[in-house]
C-alpha atoms as a PDB file:
ATOM      1  CA  UNK A   1     105.467 109.458  86.107  1.00  0.00           C
ATOM      2  CA  UNK A   2     108.254 111.201  84.266  1.00  0.00           C
ATOM      3  CA  UNK A   3     111.135 108.741  84.769  1.00  0.00           C
ATOM      4  CA  UNK A   4     110.363 105.240  83.445  1.00  0.00           C
ATOM      5  CA  UNK A   5     113.116 103.659  85.555  1.00  0.00           C
ATOM      6  CA  UNK A   6     112.087 104.931  88.991  1.00  0.00           C
ATOM      7  CA  UNK A   7     108.524 104.474  90.199  1.00  0.00           C
ATOM      8  CA  UNK A   8     106.600 107.327  91.734  1.00  0.00           C
ATOM      9  CA  UNK A   9     106.072 106.243  95.347  1.00  0.00           C
ATOM     10  CA  UNK A  10     103.350 107.324  97.745  1.00  0.00           C
ATOM     11  CA  UNK A  11     103.445 106.034 101.322  1.00  0.00           C
ATOM     12  CA  UNK A  12     100.823 106.206 104.070  1.00  0.00           C
ATOM     13  CA  UNK A  13     101.278 105.326 107.723  1.00  0.00           C
ATOM     14  CA  UNK A  14      97.978 104.929 109.559  1.00  0.00           C
ATOM     15  CA  UNK A  15      96.938 103.908 113.077  1.00  0.00           C
ATOM     16  CA  UNK A  16      95.220 100.525 113.143  1.00  0.00           C
ATOM     17  CA  UNK A  17      91.671 101.878 113.260  1.00  0.00           C
ATOM     18  CA  UNK A  18      89.006 100.575 110.886  1.00  0.00           C
ATOM     19  CA  UNK A  19      87.422 104.009 110.433  1.00  0.00           C
ATOM     20  CA  UNK A  20      90.667 105.255 108.845  1.00  0.00           C
ATOM     21  CA  UNK A  21      90.271 102.793 105.977  1.00  0.00           C
ATOM     22  CA  UNK A  22      88.111 105.469 104.320  1.00  0.00           C
ATOM     23  CA  UNK A  23      91.266 107.605 104.014  1.00  0.00           C
ATOM     24  CA  UNK A  24      93.065 104.677 102.407  1.00  0.00           C
ATOM     25  CA  UNK A  25      90.146 104.203 100.010  1.00  0.00           C
ATOM     26  CA  UNK A  26      90.276 107.852  98.856  1.00  0.00           C
ATOM     27  CA  UNK A  27      94.027 107.694  98.319  1.00  0.00           C
ATOM     28  CA  UNK A  28      93.738 104.423  96.375  1.00  0.00           C
ATOM     29  CA  UNK A  29      91.003 105.844  94.133  1.00  0.00           C
ATOM     30  CA  UNK A  30      92.997 109.029  93.523  1.00  0.00           C
ATOM     31  CA  UNK A  31      96.037 106.977  92.539  1.00  0.00           C
ATOM     32  CA  UNK A  32      93.866 104.891  90.204  1.00  0.00           C
ATOM     33  CA  UNK A  33      92.764 108.122  88.511  1.00  0.00           C
ATOM     34  CA  UNK A  34      96.420 109.108  88.160  1.00  0.00           C
ATOM     35  CA  UNK A  35      97.112 105.697  86.586  1.00  0.00           C
ATOM     36  CA  UNK A  36      94.167 106.292  84.225  1.00  0.00           C
ATOM     37  CA  UNK A  37      92.482 103.044  85.273  1.00  0.00           C
ATOM     38  CA  UNK A  38      88.866 102.655  84.196  1.00  0.00           C
ATOM     39  CA  UNK A  39      86.066 102.588  86.770  1.00  0.00           C
ATOM     40  CA  UNK A  40      85.966  98.783  87.094  1.00  0.00           C
ATOM     41  CA  UNK A  41      89.732  98.495  87.525  1.00  0.00           C
ATOM     42  CA  UNK A  42      89.735 101.341  90.054  1.00  0.00           C
ATOM     43  CA  UNK A  43      87.031  99.552  92.066  1.00  0.00           C
ATOM     44  CA  UNK A  44      89.019  96.313  91.986  1.00  0.00           C
ATOM     45  CA  UNK A  45      92.177  98.028  93.204  1.00  0.00           C
ATOM     46  CA  UNK A  46      90.350  99.986  95.899  1.00  0.00           C
ATOM     47  CA  UNK A  47      88.513  96.920  97.178  1.00  0.00           C
ATOM     48  CA  UNK A  48      91.745  94.920  97.319  1.00  0.00           C
ATOM     49  CA  UNK A  49      93.677  97.660  99.123  1.00  0.00           C
ATOM     50  CA  UNK A  50      90.840  98.030 101.660  1.00  0.00           C
ATOM     51  CA  UNK A  51      90.769  94.247 102.215  1.00  0.00           C
ATOM     52  CA  UNK A  52      94.536  94.197 102.795  1.00  0.00           C
ATOM     53  CA  UNK A  53      94.246  97.172 105.165  1.00  0.00           C
ATOM     54  CA  UNK A  54      91.376  95.520 107.026  1.00  0.00           C
ATOM     55  CA  UNK A  55      93.462  92.376 107.461  1.00  0.00           C
ATOM     56  CA  UNK A  56      96.385  94.443 108.787  1.00  0.00           C
ATOM     57  CA  UNK A  57      94.155  96.191 111.342  1.00  0.00           C
ATOM     58  CA  UNK A  58      92.044  93.222 112.436  1.00  0.00           C
ATOM     59  CA  UNK A  59      94.437  90.296 112.183  1.00  0.00           C
ATOM     60  CA  UNK A  60      97.932  91.779 112.129  1.00  0.00           C
ATOM     61  CA  UNK A  61      97.376  94.308 114.914  1.00  0.00           C
ATOM     62  CA  UNK A  62      94.226  92.977 116.635  1.00  0.00           C
ATOM     63  CA  UNK A  63      92.719  96.500 116.304  1.00  0.00           C
ATOM     64  CA  UNK A  64      95.444  97.992 118.511  1.00  0.00           C
ATOM     65  CA  UNK A  65      95.300 101.684 117.518  1.00  0.00           C
ATOM     66  CA  UNK A  66      98.721 102.229 119.095  1.00  0.00           C
ATOM     67  CA  UNK A  67     100.189 100.174 116.224  1.00  0.00           C
ATOM     68  CA  UNK A  68     100.545 101.600 112.736  1.00  0.00           C
ATOM     69  CA  UNK A  69     100.276  99.889 109.387  1.00  0.00           C
ATOM     70  CA  UNK A  70     101.909 101.193 106.227  1.00  0.00           C
ATOM     71  CA  UNK A  71     100.732 101.238 102.643  1.00  0.00           C
ATOM     72  CA  UNK A  72     103.156 101.955  99.831  1.00  0.00           C
ATOM     73  CA  UNK A  73     101.888 102.630  96.317  1.00  0.00           C
ATOM     74  CA  UNK A  74     104.427 102.405  93.479  1.00  0.00           C
ATOM     75  CA  UNK A  75     103.225 103.848  90.175  1.00  0.00           C
ATOM     76  CA  UNK A  76     105.072 102.382  87.206  1.00  0.00           C
ATOM     77  CA  UNK A  77     104.392 102.907  83.498  1.00  0.00           C
ATOM     78  CA  UNK A  78     102.852  99.443  83.057  1.00  0.00           C
ATOM     79  CA  UNK A  79     101.462  98.657  86.528  1.00  0.00           C
ATOM     80  CA  UNK A  80     100.567  99.723  90.039  1.00  0.00           C
ATOM     81  CA  UNK A  81     102.229  97.906  92.933  1.00  0.00           C
ATOM     82  CA  UNK A  82     100.882  98.184  96.469  1.00  0.00           C
ATOM     83  CA  UNK A  83     102.482  96.843  99.655  1.00  0.00           C
ATOM     84  CA  UNK A  84     100.455  96.754 102.870  1.00  0.00           C
ATOM     85  CA  UNK A  85     102.675  96.139 105.919  1.00  0.00           C
ATOM     86  CA  UNK A  86     101.805  95.334 109.501  1.00  0.00           C
ATOM     87  CA  UNK A  87     103.851  94.072 112.436  1.00  0.00           C
ATOM     88  CA  UNK A  88     101.771  90.924 112.935  1.00  0.00           C
ATOM     89  CA  UNK A  89     103.332  87.477 112.987  1.00  0.00           C
ATOM     90  CA  UNK A  90     101.541  86.345 109.843  1.00  0.00           C
ATOM     91  CA  UNK A  91      99.548  83.192 109.194  1.00  0.00           C
ATOM     92  CA  UNK A  92      99.594  79.860 107.405  1.00  0.00           C
ATOM     93  CA  UNK A  93      97.538  80.584 104.316  1.00  0.00           C
ATOM     94  CA  UNK A  94      96.782  76.899 103.703  1.00  0.00           C
ATOM     95  CA  UNK A  95      95.501  76.268 107.252  1.00  0.00           C
ATOM     96  CA  UNK A  96      93.707  79.498 108.084  1.00  0.00           C
ATOM     97  CA  UNK A  97      92.203  80.531 104.769  1.00  0.00           C
ATOM     98  CA  UNK A  98      89.478  78.169 103.547  1.00  0.00           C
ATOM     99  CA  UNK A  99      88.481  77.785  99.907  1.00  0.00           C
ATOM    100  CA  UNK A 100      85.390  79.994  99.986  1.00  0.00           C
ATOM    101  CA  UNK A 101      84.152  78.534  96.684  1.00  0.00           C
ATOM    102  CA  UNK A 102      83.410  75.060  98.065  1.00  0.00           C
ATOM    103  CA  UNK A 103      79.846  74.389  99.295  1.00  0.00           C
ATOM    104  CA  UNK A 104      80.711  74.052 102.992  1.00  0.00           C
ATOM    105  CA  UNK A 105      82.223  77.555 103.059  1.00  0.00           C
ATOM    106  CA  UNK A 106      79.843  79.461 100.765  1.00  0.00           C
ATOM    107  CA  UNK A 107      77.917  80.970 103.686  1.00  0.00           C
ATOM    108  CA  UNK A 108      80.901  81.631 105.977  1.00  0.00           C
ATOM    109  CA  UNK A 109      80.803  85.120 107.471  1.00  0.00           C
ATOM    110  CA  UNK A 110      84.600  85.568 107.230  1.00  0.00           C
ATOM    111  CA  UNK A 111      87.503  84.501 105.081  1.00  0.00           C
ATOM    112  CA  UNK A 112      86.699  86.199 101.795  1.00  0.00           C
ATOM    113  CA  UNK A 113      89.324  88.973 101.826  1.00  0.00           C
ATOM    114  CA  UNK A 114      92.168  87.029 100.243  1.00  0.00           C
ATOM    115  CA  UNK A 115      89.768  85.500  97.705  1.00  0.00           C
ATOM    116  CA  UNK A 116      88.579  88.997  96.779  1.00  0.00           C
ATOM    117  CA  UNK A 117      92.139  90.288  96.419  1.00  0.00           C
ATOM    118  CA  UNK A 118      93.157  87.341  94.227  1.00  0.00           C
ATOM    119  CA  UNK A 119      90.030  87.782  92.097  1.00  0.00           C
ATOM    120  CA  UNK A 120      90.569  91.515  91.595  1.00  0.00           C
ATOM    121  CA  UNK A 121      94.327  91.869  91.242  1.00  0.00           C
ATOM    122  CA  UNK A 122      96.797  90.443  88.727  1.00  0.00           C
ATOM    123  CA  UNK A 123      99.206  89.342  91.456  1.00  0.00           C
ATOM    124  CA  UNK A 124      98.819  88.798  95.212  1.00  0.00           C
ATOM    125  CA  UNK A 125     101.691  87.589  97.380  1.00  0.00           C
ATOM    126  CA  UNK A 126     102.355  87.463 101.103  1.00  0.00           C
ATOM    127  CA  UNK A 127     105.683  87.741 102.891  1.00  0.00           C
ATOM    128  CA  UNK A 128     106.035  86.776 106.537  1.00  0.00           C
ATOM    129  CA  UNK A 129     109.096  87.731 108.534  1.00  0.00           C
ATOM    130  CA  UNK A 130     110.284  88.625 111.989  1.00  0.00           C
ATOM    131  CA  UNK A 131     109.281  92.258 111.392  1.00  0.00           C
ATOM    132  CA  UNK A 132     105.743  91.529 110.250  1.00  0.00           C
ATOM    133  CA  UNK A 133     103.594  90.712 107.264  1.00  0.00           C
ATOM    134  CA  UNK A 134     103.557  92.282 103.808  1.00  0.00           C
ATOM    135  CA  UNK A 135     100.682  91.844 101.383  1.00  0.00           C
ATOM    136  CA  UNK A 136     101.968  92.652  97.878  1.00  0.00           C
ATOM    137  CA  UNK A 137      99.337  93.566  95.260  1.00  0.00           C
ATOM    138  CA  UNK A 138      99.904  94.266  91.565  1.00  0.00           C
ATOM    139  CA  UNK A 139      97.501  95.608  88.930  1.00  0.00           C
ATOM    140  CA  UNK A 140      98.734  95.955  85.349  1.00  0.00           C
ATOM    141  CA  UNK A 141      97.467  98.622  82.993  1.00  0.00           C
ATOM    142  CA  UNK A 142      95.042  97.242  80.407  1.00  0.00           C
ATOM    143  CA  UNK A 143      97.544  97.438  77.534  1.00  0.00           C
ATOM    144  CA  UNK A 144     100.194  95.634  79.595  1.00  0.00           C
ATOM    145  CA  UNK A 145      97.641  92.944  80.575  1.00  0.00           C
ATOM    146  CA  UNK A 146      96.650  92.401  76.929  1.00  0.00           C
ATOM    147  CA  UNK A 147     100.294  92.074  75.894  1.00  0.00           C
ATOM    148  CA  UNK A 148     100.987  89.549  78.679  1.00  0.00           C
ATOM    149  CA  UNK A 149      97.958  87.464  77.664  1.00  0.00           C
ATOM    150  CA  UNK A 150      99.010  87.346  73.979  1.00  0.00           C
END
């Protein structure tokens, strides 16, 4: 990360196969090491990236291995940004994603991915367009998080 103005960018393009999420996990953990994240932060980032990748494969592409999803990691001095893109039509987050913290949904078998991402990352946003869905994840470095909280 030599130039503070331009992020270092690493991009993966993977077929929509769940077994390839292990590759994504290794890349995410390696990038977390490069960012000098601690073990807990690295686990949070990895879990969130895997959840976003799982959603791209299962929901965005309906496990169609002929379709590819892309993951772009941008390493900046104060944060890591990750975009997970698929060609799916997207979803209505208010209608399709229940609040998994209310009693009637505590034992649901599905629907926890977005909750996990929002719990683990500093920012989670979704963009839906005619060319697909983007899940945007951000994790700040500890010093940057402390400064923002002050």
